[in-house]
C-alpha atoms as a PDB file:
ATOM      1  CA  UNK A   1    -224.209  24.104   7.137  1.00  0.00           C
ATOM      2  CA  UNK A   2    -223.190  27.695   7.886  1.00  0.00           C
ATOM      3  CA  UNK A   3    -225.491  30.415   6.951  1.00  0.00           C
ATOM      4  CA  UNK A   4    -227.206  30.449   3.479  1.00  0.00           C
ATOM      5  CA  UNK A   5    -224.464  27.440   2.433  1.00  0.00           C
ATOM      6  CA  UNK A   6    -226.396  24.682   0.728  1.00  0.00           C
ATOM      7  CA  UNK A   7    -225.018  21.278   0.505  1.00  0.00           C
ATOM      8  CA  UNK A   8    -225.116  20.043  -3.188  1.00  0.00           C
ATOM      9  CA  UNK A   9    -227.398  16.990  -3.497  1.00  0.00           C
ATOM     10  CA  UNK A  10    -226.218  14.006  -6.034  1.00  0.00           C
ATOM     11  CA  UNK A  11    -229.863  13.639  -7.883  1.00  0.00           C
ATOM     12  CA  UNK A  12    -228.760  11.467 -10.423  1.00  0.00           C
ATOM     13  CA  UNK A  13    -227.003   8.063 -10.997  1.00  0.00           C
ATOM     14  CA  UNK A  14    -226.919   6.782 -14.953  1.00  0.00           C
ATOM     15  CA  UNK A  15    -226.433   3.012 -15.901  1.00  0.00           C
ATOM     16  CA  UNK A  16    -225.454   2.667 -19.276  1.00  0.00           C
ATOM     17  CA  UNK A  17    -224.053  -0.060 -21.432  1.00  0.00           C
ATOM     18  CA  UNK A  18    -224.719  -1.988 -24.978  1.00  0.00           C
ATOM     19  CA  UNK A  19    -227.596  -4.290 -24.674  1.00  0.00           C
ATOM     20  CA  UNK A  20    -227.590  -7.210 -22.602  1.00  0.00           C
ATOM     21  CA  UNK A  21    -224.863  -5.625 -20.220  1.00  0.00           C
ATOM     22  CA  UNK A  22    -226.772  -5.833 -17.191  1.00  0.00           C
ATOM     23  CA  UNK A  23    -228.048  -2.128 -16.958  1.00  0.00           C
ATOM     24  CA  UNK A  24    -231.343  -2.922 -15.821  1.00  0.00           C
ATOM     25  CA  UNK A  25    -230.622  -5.766 -12.771  1.00  0.00           C
ATOM     26  CA  UNK A  26    -228.006  -3.434 -12.097  1.00  0.00           C
ATOM     27  CA  UNK A  27    -230.374  -0.505 -11.678  1.00  0.00           C
ATOM     28  CA  UNK A  28    -233.083  -2.106  -9.748  1.00  0.00           C
ATOM     29  CA  UNK A  29    -229.798  -2.996  -7.078  1.00  0.00           C
ATOM     30  CA  UNK A  30    -229.052  -0.052  -6.729  1.00  0.00           C
ATOM     31  CA  UNK A  31    -231.981   1.517  -6.324  1.00  0.00           C
ATOM     32  CA  UNK A  32    -233.043  -1.312  -3.449  1.00  0.00           C
ATOM     33  CA  UNK A  33    -229.835  -0.825  -1.518  1.00  0.00           C
ATOM     34  CA  UNK A  34    -228.894   3.240  -1.284  1.00  0.00           C
ATOM     35  CA  UNK A  35    -232.807   3.860  -1.945  1.00  0.00           C
ATOM     36  CA  UNK A  36    -233.515   5.664  -5.219  1.00  0.00           C
ATOM     37  CA  UNK A  37    -235.658   5.963  -7.460  1.00  0.00           C
ATOM     38  CA  UNK A  38    -235.479   3.636 -10.912  1.00  0.00           C
ATOM     39  CA  UNK A  39    -236.314   5.472 -14.064  1.00  0.00           C
ATOM     40  CA  UNK A  40    -236.304   1.981 -16.346  1.00  0.00           C
ATOM     41  CA  UNK A  41    -235.921   2.177 -20.390  1.00  0.00           C
ATOM     42  CA  UNK A  42    -238.934   1.780 -21.689  1.00  0.00           C
ATOM     43  CA  UNK A  43    -238.720  -1.172 -23.771  1.00  0.00           C
ATOM     44  CA  UNK A  44    -242.515  -3.453 -22.697  1.00  0.00           C
ATOM     45  CA  UNK A  45    -244.844  -0.440 -23.746  1.00  0.00           C
ATOM     46  CA  UNK A  46    -242.221   0.683 -26.623  1.00  0.00           C
ATOM     47  CA  UNK A  47    -244.313   0.311 -29.508  1.00  0.00           C
ATOM     48  CA  UNK A  48    -241.533   0.220 -32.209  1.00  0.00           C
ATOM     49  CA  UNK A  49    -239.506  -2.226 -30.771  1.00  0.00           C
ATOM     50  CA  UNK A  50    -240.846  -4.955 -32.651  1.00  0.00           C
ATOM     51  CA  UNK A  51    -241.493  -3.361 -35.843  1.00  0.00           C
ATOM     52  CA  UNK A  52    -238.242  -2.552 -35.616  1.00  0.00           C
ATOM     53  CA  UNK A  53    -236.000  -5.448 -34.835  1.00  0.00           C
ATOM     54  CA  UNK A  54    -238.201  -6.704 -37.890  1.00  0.00           C
ATOM     55  CA  UNK A  55    -237.523  -4.059 -40.578  1.00  0.00           C
ATOM     56  CA  UNK A  56    -234.670  -1.587 -38.750  1.00  0.00           C
ATOM     57  CA  UNK A  57    -234.686   0.934 -41.977  1.00  0.00           C
ATOM     58  CA  UNK A  58    -238.145   1.401 -42.087  1.00  0.00           C
ATOM     59  CA  UNK A  59    -238.780   2.332 -38.507  1.00  0.00           C
ATOM     60  CA  UNK A  60    -235.105   3.007 -37.107  1.00  0.00           C
ATOM     61  CA  UNK A  61    -235.900   7.390 -37.269  1.00  0.00           C
ATOM     62  CA  UNK A  62    -239.050   6.119 -34.910  1.00  0.00           C
ATOM     63  CA  UNK A  63    -237.473   4.387 -32.339  1.00  0.00           C
ATOM     64  CA  UNK A  64    -234.514   6.102 -31.635  1.00  0.00           C
ATOM     65  CA  UNK A  65    -237.003   9.174 -31.689  1.00  0.00           C
ATOM     66  CA  UNK A  66    -239.281   7.779 -28.617  1.00  0.00           C
ATOM     67  CA  UNK A  67    -236.286   6.479 -26.512  1.00  0.00           C
ATOM     68  CA  UNK A  68    -234.405   9.910 -27.001  1.00  0.00           C
ATOM     69  CA  UNK A  69    -238.224  12.049 -25.850  1.00  0.00           C
ATOM     70  CA  UNK A  70    -238.495   9.904 -23.196  1.00  0.00           C
ATOM     71  CA  UNK A  71    -234.955  10.045 -22.009  1.00  0.00           C
ATOM     72  CA  UNK A  72    -235.262  13.192 -22.324  1.00  0.00           C
ATOM     73  CA  UNK A  73    -238.506  13.895 -20.103  1.00  0.00           C
ATOM     74  CA  UNK A  74    -237.271  11.150 -17.230  1.00  0.00           C
ATOM     75  CA  UNK A  75    -233.781  13.885 -17.458  1.00  0.00           C
ATOM     76  CA  UNK A  76    -236.134  16.811 -16.585  1.00  0.00           C
ATOM     77  CA  UNK A  77    -238.669  14.967 -14.075  1.00  0.00           C
ATOM     78  CA  UNK A  78    -234.944  14.429 -12.484  1.00  0.00           C
ATOM     79  CA  UNK A  79    -233.803  18.198 -12.466  1.00  0.00           C
ATOM     80  CA  UNK A  80    -237.189  19.638 -11.195  1.00  0.00           C
ATOM     81  CA  UNK A  81    -237.651  16.636  -8.711  1.00  0.00           C
ATOM     82  CA  UNK A  82    -236.907  16.151  -4.843  1.00  0.00           C
ATOM     83  CA  UNK A  83    -235.645  12.611  -4.615  1.00  0.00           C
ATOM     84  CA  UNK A  84    -232.551  10.620  -6.098  1.00  0.00           C
ATOM     85  CA  UNK A  85    -233.057   8.633  -9.756  1.00  0.00           C
ATOM     86  CA  UNK A  86    -231.029   5.468 -11.004  1.00  0.00           C
ATOM     87  CA  UNK A  87    -231.029   5.919 -14.994  1.00  0.00           C
ATOM     88  CA  UNK A  88    -231.536   3.326 -16.826  1.00  0.00           C
ATOM     89  CA  UNK A  89    -229.491   4.192 -19.744  1.00  0.00           C
ATOM     90  CA  UNK A  90    -228.327   7.218 -20.827  1.00  0.00           C
ATOM     91  CA  UNK A  91    -229.374   9.941 -23.118  1.00  0.00           C
ATOM     92  CA  UNK A  92    -226.042  10.245 -24.485  1.00  0.00           C
ATOM     93  CA  UNK A  93    -226.253   6.595 -25.338  1.00  0.00           C
ATOM     94  CA  UNK A  94    -229.268   7.421 -27.972  1.00  0.00           C
ATOM     95  CA  UNK A  95    -227.833   9.745 -29.778  1.00  0.00           C
ATOM     96  CA  UNK A  96    -224.209   8.702 -29.501  1.00  0.00           C
ATOM     97  CA  UNK A  97    -224.158   5.011 -30.115  1.00  0.00           C
ATOM     98  CA  UNK A  98    -227.375   4.019 -31.301  1.00  0.00           C
ATOM     99  CA  UNK A  99    -227.878   6.076 -34.101  1.00  0.00           C
ATOM    100  CA  UNK A 100    -225.107   6.227 -35.258  1.00  0.00           C
ATOM    101  CA  UNK A 101    -224.136   2.733 -35.779  1.00  0.00           C
ATOM    102  CA  UNK A 102    -227.907   2.631 -37.251  1.00  0.00           C
ATOM    103  CA  UNK A 103    -225.954   5.364 -39.887  1.00  0.00           C
ATOM    104  CA  UNK A 104    -223.447   3.794 -39.930  1.00  0.00           C
ATOM    105  CA  UNK A 105    -225.059   0.496 -40.932  1.00  0.00           C
ATOM    106  CA  UNK A 106    -227.089   2.434 -44.228  1.00  0.00           C
ATOM    107  CA  UNK A 107    -230.137   1.702 -41.381  1.00  0.00           C
ATOM    108  CA  UNK A 108    -230.726   5.327 -40.957  1.00  0.00           C
ATOM    109  CA  UNK A 109    -231.200   7.924 -44.087  1.00  0.00           C
ATOM    110  CA  UNK A 110    -228.622  10.588 -43.396  1.00  0.00           C
ATOM    111  CA  UNK A 111    -231.741  12.859 -44.076  1.00  0.00           C
ATOM    112  CA  UNK A 112    -233.372  11.372 -40.160  1.00  0.00           C
ATOM    113  CA  UNK A 113    -230.208  11.026 -38.856  1.00  0.00           C
ATOM    114  CA  UNK A 114    -229.419  14.670 -39.801  1.00  0.00           C
ATOM    115  CA  UNK A 115    -233.266  15.702 -37.910  1.00  0.00           C
ATOM    116  CA  UNK A 116    -232.145  12.945 -35.030  1.00  0.00           C
ATOM    117  CA  UNK A 117    -228.777  15.524 -33.796  1.00  0.00           C
ATOM    118  CA  UNK A 118    -230.341  19.107 -34.244  1.00  0.00           C
ATOM    119  CA  UNK A 119    -233.308  17.914 -32.019  1.00  0.00           C
ATOM    120  CA  UNK A 120    -230.583  15.746 -29.707  1.00  0.00           C
ATOM    121  CA  UNK A 121    -228.148  18.972 -29.476  1.00  0.00           C
ATOM    122  CA  UNK A 122    -231.365  21.398 -28.645  1.00  0.00           C
ATOM    123  CA  UNK A 123    -231.820  18.489 -25.390  1.00  0.00           C
ATOM    124  CA  UNK A 124    -229.057  18.270 -24.219  1.00  0.00           C
ATOM    125  CA  UNK A 125    -228.690  21.669 -23.873  1.00  0.00           C
ATOM    126  CA  UNK A 126    -231.485  22.285 -21.545  1.00  0.00           C
ATOM    127  CA  UNK A 127    -229.822  19.303 -19.260  1.00  0.00           C
ATOM    128  CA  UNK A 128    -227.638  18.180 -16.733  1.00  0.00           C
ATOM    129  CA  UNK A 129    -225.730  15.649 -16.959  1.00  0.00           C
ATOM    130  CA  UNK A 130    -225.310  12.981 -14.617  1.00  0.00           C
ATOM    131  CA  UNK A 131    -223.783  13.549 -11.631  1.00  0.00           C
ATOM    132  CA  UNK A 132    -222.595   9.453 -11.848  1.00  0.00           C
ATOM    133  CA  UNK A 133    -222.022   8.037 -14.718  1.00  0.00           C
ATOM    134  CA  UNK A 134    -221.371   3.901 -14.443  1.00  0.00           C
ATOM    135  CA  UNK A 135    -221.049   2.072 -17.004  1.00  0.00           C
ATOM    136  CA  UNK A 136    -220.915  -1.172 -17.793  1.00  0.00           C
ATOM    137  CA  UNK A 137    -218.388  -2.877 -19.750  1.00  0.00           C
ATOM    138  CA  UNK A 138    -218.990  -6.007 -21.588  1.00  0.00           C
ATOM    139  CA  UNK A 139    -218.056  -8.370 -24.737  1.00  0.00           C
ATOM    140  CA  UNK A 140    -220.005  -9.426 -27.229  1.00  0.00           C
ATOM    141  CA  UNK A 141    -219.692 -13.235 -25.738  1.00  0.00           C
ATOM    142  CA  UNK A 142    -221.271 -12.185 -22.352  1.00  0.00           C
ATOM    143  CA  UNK A 143    -223.654  -9.521 -23.879  1.00  0.00           C
ATOM    144  CA  UNK A 144    -225.010 -12.717 -26.693  1.00  0.00           C
ATOM    145  CA  UNK A 145    -225.094 -15.079 -22.921  1.00  0.00           C
ATOM    146  CA  UNK A 146    -227.650 -12.518 -20.944  1.00  0.00           C
ATOM    147  CA  UNK A 147    -229.558 -11.527 -24.573  1.00  0.00           C
ATOM    148  CA  UNK A 148    -230.592 -15.576 -24.672  1.00  0.00           C
ATOM    149  CA  UNK A 149    -230.874 -15.686 -20.938  1.00  0.00           C
ATOM    150  CA  UNK A 150    -233.607 -13.733 -20.811  1.00  0.00           C
ATOM    151  CA  UNK A 151    -235.530 -15.175 -23.421  1.00  0.00           C
ATOM    152  CA  UNK A 152    -236.985 -11.817 -25.155  1.00  0.00           C
ATOM    153  CA  UNK A 153    -239.138 -12.233 -28.388  1.00  0.00           C
ATOM    154  CA  UNK A 154    -237.470  -8.880 -30.053  1.00  0.00           C
ATOM    155  CA  UNK A 155    -234.261  -9.029 -30.122  1.00  0.00           C
ATOM    156  CA  UNK A 156    -233.864 -13.036 -31.258  1.00  0.00           C
ATOM    157  CA  UNK A 157    -232.829 -11.704 -34.057  1.00  0.00           C
ATOM    158  CA  UNK A 158    -230.406  -9.485 -32.967  1.00  0.00           C
ATOM    159  CA  UNK A 159    -227.062  -9.898 -35.600  1.00  0.00           C
ATOM    160  CA  UNK A 160    -223.038 -10.320 -34.152  1.00  0.00           C
ATOM    161  CA  UNK A 161    -222.194  -6.956 -36.661  1.00  0.00           C
ATOM    162  CA  UNK A 162    -224.899  -5.452 -34.878  1.00  0.00           C
ATOM    163  CA  UNK A 163    -223.663  -5.796 -31.330  1.00  0.00           C
ATOM    164  CA  UNK A 164    -220.259  -5.243 -31.718  1.00  0.00           C
ATOM    165  CA  UNK A 165    -220.684  -2.066 -33.630  1.00  0.00           C
ATOM    166  CA  UNK A 166    -222.211  -1.480 -30.314  1.00  0.00           C
ATOM    167  CA  UNK A 167    -219.941  -1.984 -28.259  1.00  0.00           C
ATOM    168  CA  UNK A 168    -217.189  -0.172 -30.426  1.00  0.00           C
ATOM    169  CA  UNK A 169    -219.182   2.852 -29.997  1.00  0.00           C
ATOM    170  CA  UNK A 170    -219.811   2.743 -26.674  1.00  0.00           C
ATOM    171  CA  UNK A 171    -216.048   2.037 -26.188  1.00  0.00           C
ATOM    172  CA  UNK A 172    -215.259   4.756 -28.525  1.00  0.00           C
ATOM    173  CA  UNK A 173    -217.200   7.531 -25.848  1.00  0.00           C
ATOM    174  CA  UNK A 174    -216.512   6.173 -22.783  1.00  0.00           C
ATOM    175  CA  UNK A 175    -212.207   6.570 -23.696  1.00  0.00           C
ATOM    176  CA  UNK A 176    -213.532  10.933 -24.256  1.00  0.00           C
ATOM    177  CA  UNK A 177    -216.466  11.263 -22.123  1.00  0.00           C
ATOM    178  CA  UNK A 178    -216.233  14.458 -20.309  1.00  0.00           C
ATOM    179  CA  UNK A 179    -219.288  14.979 -19.039  1.00  0.00           C
ATOM    180  CA  UNK A 180    -218.549  14.327 -15.751  1.00  0.00           C
ATOM    181  CA  UNK A 181    -217.821  10.962 -12.933  1.00  0.00           C
ATOM    182  CA  UNK A 182    -217.569   7.666 -14.560  1.00  0.00           C
ATOM    183  CA  UNK A 183    -217.775   4.587 -13.186  1.00  0.00           C
ATOM    184  CA  UNK A 184    -216.041   1.664 -15.330  1.00  0.00           C
ATOM    185  CA  UNK A 185    -217.340  -1.933 -14.129  1.00  0.00           C
ATOM    186  CA  UNK A 186    -216.316  -5.456 -15.952  1.00  0.00           C
ATOM    187  CA  UNK A 187    -219.089  -7.084 -16.584  1.00  0.00           C
ATOM    188  CA  UNK A 188    -217.892  -9.590 -17.967  1.00  0.00           C
ATOM    189  CA  UNK A 189    -216.918 -12.074 -15.702  1.00  0.00           C
ATOM    190  CA  UNK A 190    -219.261 -11.262 -12.334  1.00  0.00           C
ATOM    191  CA  UNK A 191    -222.412 -11.791 -11.248  1.00  0.00           C
ATOM    192  CA  UNK A 192    -224.451  -9.411  -9.724  1.00  0.00           C
ATOM    193  CA  UNK A 193    -227.447 -10.953 -10.483  1.00  0.00           C
ATOM    194  CA  UNK A 194    -226.935 -13.676  -8.424  1.00  0.00           C
ATOM    195  CA  UNK A 195    -223.560 -13.606  -6.687  1.00  0.00           C
ATOM    196  CA  UNK A 196    -224.250 -11.225  -3.208  1.00  0.00           C
ATOM    197  CA  UNK A 197    -220.475 -10.960  -2.929  1.00  0.00           C
ATOM    198  CA  UNK A 198    -220.357  -9.209  -6.599  1.00  0.00           C
ATOM    199  CA  UNK A 199    -223.288  -6.694  -6.112  1.00  0.00           C
ATOM    200  CA  UNK A 200    -221.472  -6.314  -3.020  1.00  0.00           C
ATOM    201  CA  UNK A 201    -218.019  -5.240  -4.648  1.00  0.00           C
ATOM    202  CA  UNK A 202    -219.854  -3.140  -6.704  1.00  0.00           C
ATOM    203  CA  UNK A 203    -221.835  -1.526  -3.835  1.00  0.00           C
ATOM    204  CA  UNK A 204    -218.723  -0.568  -2.502  1.00  0.00           C
ATOM    205  CA  UNK A 205    -217.085   0.859  -5.917  1.00  0.00           C
ATOM    206  CA  UNK A 206    -220.537   3.116  -5.903  1.00  0.00           C
ATOM    207  CA  UNK A 207    -220.214   4.324  -2.618  1.00  0.00           C
ATOM    208  CA  UNK A 208    -216.749   4.847  -3.347  1.00  0.00           C
ATOM    209  CA  UNK A 209    -217.444   7.272  -5.952  1.00  0.00           C
ATOM    210  CA  UNK A 210    -220.311   8.611  -4.070  1.00  0.00           C
ATOM    211  CA  UNK A 211    -218.231   9.476  -0.906  1.00  0.00           C
ATOM    212  CA  UNK A 212    -216.575  11.613  -3.412  1.00  0.00           C
ATOM    213  CA  UNK A 213    -219.010  13.325  -4.359  1.00  0.00           C
ATOM    214  CA  UNK A 214    -220.284  16.582  -2.153  1.00  0.00           C
ATOM    215  CA  UNK A 215    -219.570  13.939   1.270  1.00  0.00           C
ATOM    216  CA  UNK A 216    -222.484  11.333  -0.729  1.00  0.00           C
ATOM    217  CA  UNK A 217    -225.239  14.143   0.037  1.00  0.00           C
ATOM    218  CA  UNK A 218    -228.768  12.993  -1.536  1.00  0.00           C
ATOM    219  CA  UNK A 219    -232.561  14.308  -2.377  1.00  0.00           C
ATOM    220  CA  UNK A 220    -234.523  12.558  -0.082  1.00  0.00           C
END
């Protein structure tokens, strides 16, 4: 570095994708490989998930506000910290995918939906987009296979209609994503959890993207 010039830092990498796409697994693997901290989606200690899947109209607003609050806090911690972090799901998905889908399906009242969007817009006006967004693209059949394999009780009643609606919204959102750098990975015919070659291929793609960002300098 010369004079007072500072090298920009890669502080925030995020993985987006539908339920069952493999976000949490890939977050763990990339975090371990690159030495990043990992911020997981709050599911195991989420007080609303079981109730939501049992009665979506009643608990949709509560669940989405919980996720929105959790994601917002994560981003603030990332931006105020000095470590590179990879995040499991983004704040944009909460609003553009899940809340919109619930409203369209009649599972979130318009009054709650508008209130939620106002809160979302306020939050995103105060934070930065990820330095790199990785989107795991997966067909509904792949999602279902993954959901069945992991066997979470609260996911056993997820409908094909619900997953299909989410997938359509993901495709619409990603096709118009302009907030930052984007890497799309087809998760249909790879097994990055169990196949080292598939994981290595993804790591190479991520490294290629990061090398184009600030010379791949990261917070330490």
